[in-house]
Amino acid sequence: MAVTAVLAEAARALLYPPRCVFCGEITRFARVFYDEENFSKYTCDSCGEPLEPLSASKTPLCAQCGAENAGAGERCPACARRETALSGNYALFLFERRPRRLVLALKDGERVEPLLRTVIKGCLDAGRFSGADFLAPVPPWEGRPDHAGLIARIVSDITGVPALAGVMERVLPPGADKIPEQKRTHPSKRFENALGTVFLAGRDKNLRKSEILAKGIFLIDDIYTTGGTMNACASVLLEAGAAWAKGFTVCAARE
């Protein structure tokens, strides 16, 4: 890094001190002086401990969404109410506390890729991706950041499974002039809203189908909430001839 760039970064850190991604407290030194693979570049001392993945939980996990399952069946009560084309989701964390703050920082455009990479690398079970032919990031709405694409590249680097970008695209529902608001929508409606908004990308659909035919595919996204978007993507892939479609997300949310 050039001297001027270092000075500029140091000056910025004095005016806008770096804060812990997880709790918001000011960290001790400017970010420029930290190794990008080090938690302390993004966290305070109290939040710097490694995160514990869901796979270490003593509570059974839902076979569908990947979150902790308090129900009696293989799927949690929320997932048991829905039929989905997705053959289960592998989630690293619950959408709570530090993992929640990390995902929200990513969504807010903060520069947390190195921390995200470190967290995923430290918790990911690469064996879960055995048999997958490629990773397919969930497509963003037009004009929105491609968080899933970033996560797919990180997972690909760790597992060696290739990430294939641009497999699908998201299109507004017929008659809609803006992206549907989901935050205040009932979970069942959120699930339904995703149907009919995902399609194979590109003009040559036969070429795209040939890439998908008989392939085992992991869909990649930042968070699994109702699974509506994952289901819409899985439906498109299976209709195009995929052998199976599973999911991977950094977090799974409780309904």
Protein backbone atom coordinates (compact mmCIF):
# COMPACT_ATOMS: atom_id res chain seq x y z
CA MET A 1 0.00 0.00 0.00
CA ALA A 2 1.39 3.44 -0.95
CA VAL A 3 2.43 5.80 1.85
CA THR A 4 -0.23 8.32 0.86
CA ALA A 5 -2.90 5.62 1.01
CA VAL A 6 -1.72 4.55 4.47
CA LEU A 7 -1.81 8.15 5.71
CA ALA A 8 -5.23 8.69 4.20
CA GLU A 9 -6.55 5.53 5.88
CA ALA A 10 -5.01 6.54 9.21
CA ALA A 11 -6.58 10.02 8.95
CA ARG A 12 -9.95 8.48 8.15
CA ALA A 13 -9.62 6.20 11.16
CA LEU A 14 -9.01 9.21 13.41
CA LEU A 15 -12.08 11.01 12.09
CA TYR A 16 -14.23 7.87 11.88
CA PRO A 17 -12.75 5.37 14.35
CA PRO A 18 -13.22 1.73 13.33
CA ARG A 19 -15.94 0.04 15.34
CA CYS A 20 -16.51 -3.56 16.24
CA VAL A 21 -18.81 -5.20 13.69
CA PHE A 22 -20.56 -7.13 16.44
CA CYS A 23 -21.16 -4.61 19.26
CA GLY A 24 -20.31 -1.21 17.78
CA GLU A 25 -17.55 -0.35 20.26
CA ILE A 26 -14.53 1.55 18.94
CA THR A 27 -11.60 -0.80 18.29
CA ARG A 28 -8.14 0.09 19.48
CA PHE A 29 -6.24 0.73 16.24
CA ALA A 30 -6.86 1.82 12.69
CA ARG A 31 -7.98 -1.01 10.42
CA VAL A 32 -5.06 -0.46 8.07
CA PHE A 33 -2.61 -1.78 10.66
CA TYR A 34 -4.28 -5.17 10.94
CA ASP A 35 -3.88 -8.38 9.00
CA GLU A 36 -7.04 -8.97 6.98
CA GLU A 37 -7.30 -12.53 8.28
CA ASN A 38 -7.36 -11.32 11.88
CA PHE A 39 -10.63 -10.94 13.79
CA SER A 40 -9.20 -7.97 15.69
CA LYS A 41 -9.30 -5.84 12.55
CA TYR A 42 -13.09 -5.86 12.83
CA THR A 43 -13.85 -6.70 16.44
CA CYS A 44 -13.21 -5.52 19.97
CA ASP A 45 -11.43 -7.80 22.43
CA SER A 46 -14.66 -9.09 23.99
CA CYS A 47 -16.20 -10.05 20.62
CA GLY A 48 -13.07 -11.58 19.11
CA GLU A 49 -13.72 -15.15 20.20
CA PRO A 50 -14.47 -17.62 17.37
CA LEU A 51 -18.15 -18.25 16.66
CA GLU A 52 -19.72 -21.62 17.45
CA PRO A 53 -21.58 -23.16 14.49
CA LEU A 54 -24.99 -24.79 14.66
CA SER A 55 -23.33 -28.14 14.01
CA ALA A 56 -21.97 -27.96 17.57
CA SER A 57 -25.46 -27.48 19.05
CA LYS A 58 -26.83 -30.17 21.34
CA THR A 59 -30.34 -29.38 20.06
CA PRO A 60 -31.45 -31.35 16.96
CA LEU A 61 -31.42 -29.33 13.75
CA CYS A 62 -34.27 -29.00 11.27
CA ALA A 63 -33.59 -31.12 8.19
CA GLN A 64 -35.11 -28.37 6.02
CA CYS A 65 -33.97 -24.91 7.18
CA GLY A 66 -30.96 -26.03 9.25
CA ALA A 67 -31.97 -24.09 12.39
CA GLU A 68 -32.47 -25.63 15.82
CA ASN A 69 -35.58 -27.79 15.87
CA ALA A 70 -37.81 -27.81 18.95
CA GLY A 71 -40.41 -30.02 17.26
CA ALA A 72 -40.79 -33.76 17.37
CA GLY A 73 -40.23 -34.42 13.64
CA GLU A 74 -37.22 -34.08 11.37
CA ARG A 75 -38.45 -30.67 10.23
CA CYS A 76 -39.27 -27.77 12.54
CA PRO A 77 -42.96 -26.81 12.88
CA ALA A 78 -42.62 -23.88 10.45
CA CYS A 79 -40.95 -25.97 7.72
CA ALA A 80 -43.35 -28.88 8.26
CA ARG A 81 -46.19 -26.63 7.06
CA ARG A 82 -44.58 -26.08 3.65
CA GLU A 83 -43.76 -28.20 0.64
CA THR A 84 -40.50 -27.21 -1.00
CA ALA A 85 -38.33 -28.28 -3.91
CA LEU A 86 -35.20 -27.71 -1.85
CA SER A 87 -33.59 -30.86 -0.41
CA GLY A 88 -32.60 -29.22 2.88
CA ASN A 89 -30.42 -26.29 3.92
CA TYR A 90 -27.04 -26.24 5.67
CA ALA A 91 -26.83 -23.13 7.87
CA LEU A 92 -23.75 -22.17 9.84
CA PHE A 93 -25.47 -20.06 12.53
CA LEU A 94 -28.77 -18.88 13.87
CA PHE A 95 -29.62 -15.33 12.82
CA GLU A 96 -28.92 -14.03 16.32
CA ARG A 97 -26.30 -12.03 18.22
CA ARG A 98 -22.88 -11.88 16.52
CA PRO A 99 -23.78 -13.80 13.31
CA ARG A 100 -26.82 -11.56 12.87
CA ARG A 101 -24.69 -8.43 13.17
CA LEU A 102 -22.18 -9.81 10.67
CA VAL A 103 -24.86 -10.50 8.06
CA LEU A 104 -26.46 -7.10 8.62
CA ALA A 105 -23.05 -5.42 8.25
CA LEU A 106 -22.67 -7.19 4.91
CA LYS A 107 -26.14 -6.06 3.83
CA ASP A 108 -25.35 -2.50 4.92
CA GLY A 109 -22.33 -2.41 2.61
CA GLU A 110 -19.61 -2.54 5.24
CA ARG A 111 -16.25 -3.95 4.17
CA VAL A 112 -16.45 -7.21 6.07
CA GLU A 113 -15.46 -9.72 3.38
CA PRO A 114 -12.18 -10.77 5.08
CA LEU A 115 -13.97 -11.30 8.40
CA LEU A 116 -16.79 -13.17 6.68
CA ARG A 117 -14.23 -15.37 4.91
CA THR A 118 -12.47 -16.10 8.22
CA VAL A 119 -15.75 -16.95 9.96
CA ILE A 120 -16.93 -19.28 7.18
CA LYS A 121 -13.54 -20.95 6.85
CA GLY A 122 -13.40 -21.61 10.60
CA CYS A 123 -16.88 -23.15 10.80
CA LEU A 124 -17.62 -24.76 7.44
CA ASP A 125 -17.77 -28.54 7.12
CA ALA A 126 -16.48 -28.99 3.56
CA GLY A 127 -17.63 -32.61 3.61
CA ARG A 128 -21.25 -31.41 3.46
CA PHE A 129 -20.60 -30.38 -0.16
CA SER A 130 -19.45 -33.81 -1.27
CA GLY A 131 -21.17 -34.81 -4.51
CA ALA A 132 -22.04 -31.26 -5.52
CA ASP A 133 -21.17 -30.33 -9.10
CA PHE A 134 -21.32 -26.58 -8.57
CA LEU A 135 -22.55 -23.75 -6.37
CA ALA A 136 -25.25 -21.41 -7.64
CA PRO A 137 -25.71 -18.09 -5.81
CA VAL A 138 -29.29 -16.96 -5.33
CA PRO A 139 -29.71 -14.11 -7.82
CA PRO A 140 -30.17 -10.57 -6.44
CA TRP A 141 -32.84 -8.19 -7.60
CA GLU A 142 -31.60 -5.92 -10.38
CA GLY A 143 -29.52 -3.11 -8.91
CA ARG A 144 -29.06 -4.85 -5.54
CA PRO A 145 -25.66 -6.05 -4.21
CA ASP A 146 -24.75 -9.65 -4.96
CA HIS A 147 -24.12 -10.90 -1.42
CA ALA A 148 -24.85 -14.50 -2.38
CA GLY A 149 -22.25 -14.31 -5.13
CA LEU A 150 -19.60 -13.18 -2.65
CA ILE A 151 -20.48 -16.01 -0.25
CA ALA A 152 -20.44 -18.53 -3.10
CA ARG A 153 -16.91 -17.49 -4.07
CA ILE A 154 -15.74 -17.87 -0.48
CA VAL A 155 -17.31 -21.32 -0.15
CA SER A 156 -15.86 -22.33 -3.51
CA ASP A 157 -12.36 -21.31 -2.42
CA ILE A 158 -12.72 -23.44 0.73
CA THR A 159 -14.41 -26.52 -0.73
CA GLY A 160 -13.04 -26.59 -4.25
CA VAL A 161 -16.59 -26.84 -5.66
CA PRO A 162 -16.85 -24.38 -8.56
CA ALA A 163 -19.21 -21.42 -8.24
CA LEU A 164 -21.25 -20.74 -11.37
CA ALA A 165 -22.51 -17.17 -11.45
CA GLY A 166 -25.43 -15.94 -13.51
CA VAL A 167 -27.35 -19.22 -13.63
CA MET A 168 -30.61 -17.51 -12.68
CA GLU A 169 -32.12 -14.05 -12.60
CA ARG A 170 -34.86 -12.42 -10.55
CA VAL A 171 -37.70 -10.62 -12.26
CA LEU A 172 -40.47 -8.53 -10.73
CA PRO A 173 -43.86 -10.27 -10.56
CA PRO A 174 -46.33 -9.35 -13.33
CA GLY A 175 -47.88 -5.95 -12.67
CA ALA A 176 -45.34 -5.01 -9.96
CA ASP A 177 -43.35 -1.80 -10.39
CA LYS A 178 -41.05 -2.24 -7.39
CA ILE A 179 -39.40 -4.98 -5.36
CA PRO A 180 -41.92 -6.53 -2.93
CA GLU A 181 -41.56 -5.45 0.72
CA GLN A 182 -40.97 -8.56 2.79
CA LYS A 183 -40.02 -7.44 6.29
CA ARG A 184 -43.60 -6.82 7.47
CA THR A 185 -45.14 -9.62 5.42
CA HIS A 186 -46.54 -12.77 7.02
CA PRO A 187 -44.14 -15.74 6.57
CA SER A 188 -46.62 -17.72 4.47
CA LYS A 189 -47.08 -14.76 2.15
CA ARG A 190 -43.32 -14.20 1.93
CA PHE A 191 -42.90 -17.79 0.81
CA GLU A 192 -45.56 -17.37 -1.88
CA ASN A 193 -44.19 -14.00 -3.04
CA ALA A 194 -40.98 -15.60 -4.28
CA LEU A 195 -42.75 -17.96 -6.67
CA GLY A 196 -42.61 -16.85 -10.27
CA THR A 197 -39.80 -14.33 -9.68
CA VAL A 198 -36.80 -16.57 -10.55
CA PHE A 199 -35.91 -17.72 -14.06
CA LEU A 200 -32.97 -19.20 -15.92
CA ALA A 201 -30.67 -16.40 -17.05
CA GLY A 202 -29.46 -15.75 -20.58
CA ARG A 203 -31.02 -15.90 -24.00
CA ASP A 204 -29.95 -19.46 -24.81
CA LYS A 205 -32.05 -21.47 -22.35
CA ASN A 206 -31.01 -24.79 -23.93
CA LEU A 207 -27.35 -24.00 -23.28
CA ARG A 208 -28.18 -23.07 -19.70
CA LYS A 209 -30.17 -26.28 -19.25
CA SER A 210 -27.23 -28.32 -20.56
CA GLU A 211 -25.08 -26.88 -17.76
CA ILE A 212 -27.69 -27.91 -15.19
CA LEU A 213 -28.82 -31.29 -16.52
CA ALA A 214 -28.25 -34.15 -14.02
CA LYS A 215 -26.11 -31.89 -11.79
CA GLY A 216 -26.15 -31.72 -8.00
CA ILE A 217 -26.33 -28.04 -7.07
CA PHE A 218 -25.88 -26.11 -3.82
CA LEU A 219 -27.80 -22.84 -3.75
CA ILE A 220 -25.96 -20.14 -1.79
CA ASP A 221 -27.43 -17.20 0.12
CA ASP A 222 -26.77 -15.10 3.22
CA ILE A 223 -29.86 -16.01 5.26
CA TYR A 224 -32.67 -18.58 5.21
CA THR A 225 -35.88 -17.06 6.55
CA THR A 226 -38.93 -18.86 5.13
CA GLY A 227 -37.01 -20.55 2.33
CA GLY A 228 -39.25 -18.97 -0.29
CA THR A 229 -36.45 -17.70 -2.52
CA MET A 230 -34.48 -20.92 -2.15
CA ASN A 231 -37.60 -22.90 -3.07
CA ALA A 232 -38.21 -20.74 -6.16
CA CYS A 233 -34.60 -21.25 -7.27
CA ALA A 234 -34.68 -24.99 -6.59
CA SER A 235 -37.91 -25.33 -8.56
CA VAL A 236 -36.31 -23.64 -11.58
CA LEU A 237 -33.20 -25.84 -11.38
CA LEU A 238 -35.14 -29.09 -11.01
CA GLU A 239 -37.44 -28.16 -13.87
CA ALA A 240 -34.31 -27.58 -15.98
CA GLY A 241 -33.12 -31.11 -15.19
CA ALA A 242 -30.93 -30.78 -12.08
CA ALA A 243 -30.50 -34.01 -10.09
CA TRP A 244 -30.99 -32.17 -6.79
CA ALA A 245 -30.78 -28.76 -5.21
CA LYS A 246 -29.69 -28.14 -1.62
CA GLY A 247 -29.04 -24.88 0.19
CA PHE A 248 -26.23 -23.25 2.14
CA THR A 249 -26.66 -20.04 4.11
CA VAL A 250 -24.54 -18.21 6.65
CA CYS A 251 -27.58 -17.93 8.93
CA ALA A 252 -31.02 -19.42 9.46
CA ALA A 253 -33.69 -17.30 11.10
CA ARG A 254 -36.31 -18.47 13.56
CA GLU A 255 -39.87 -17.72 12.50
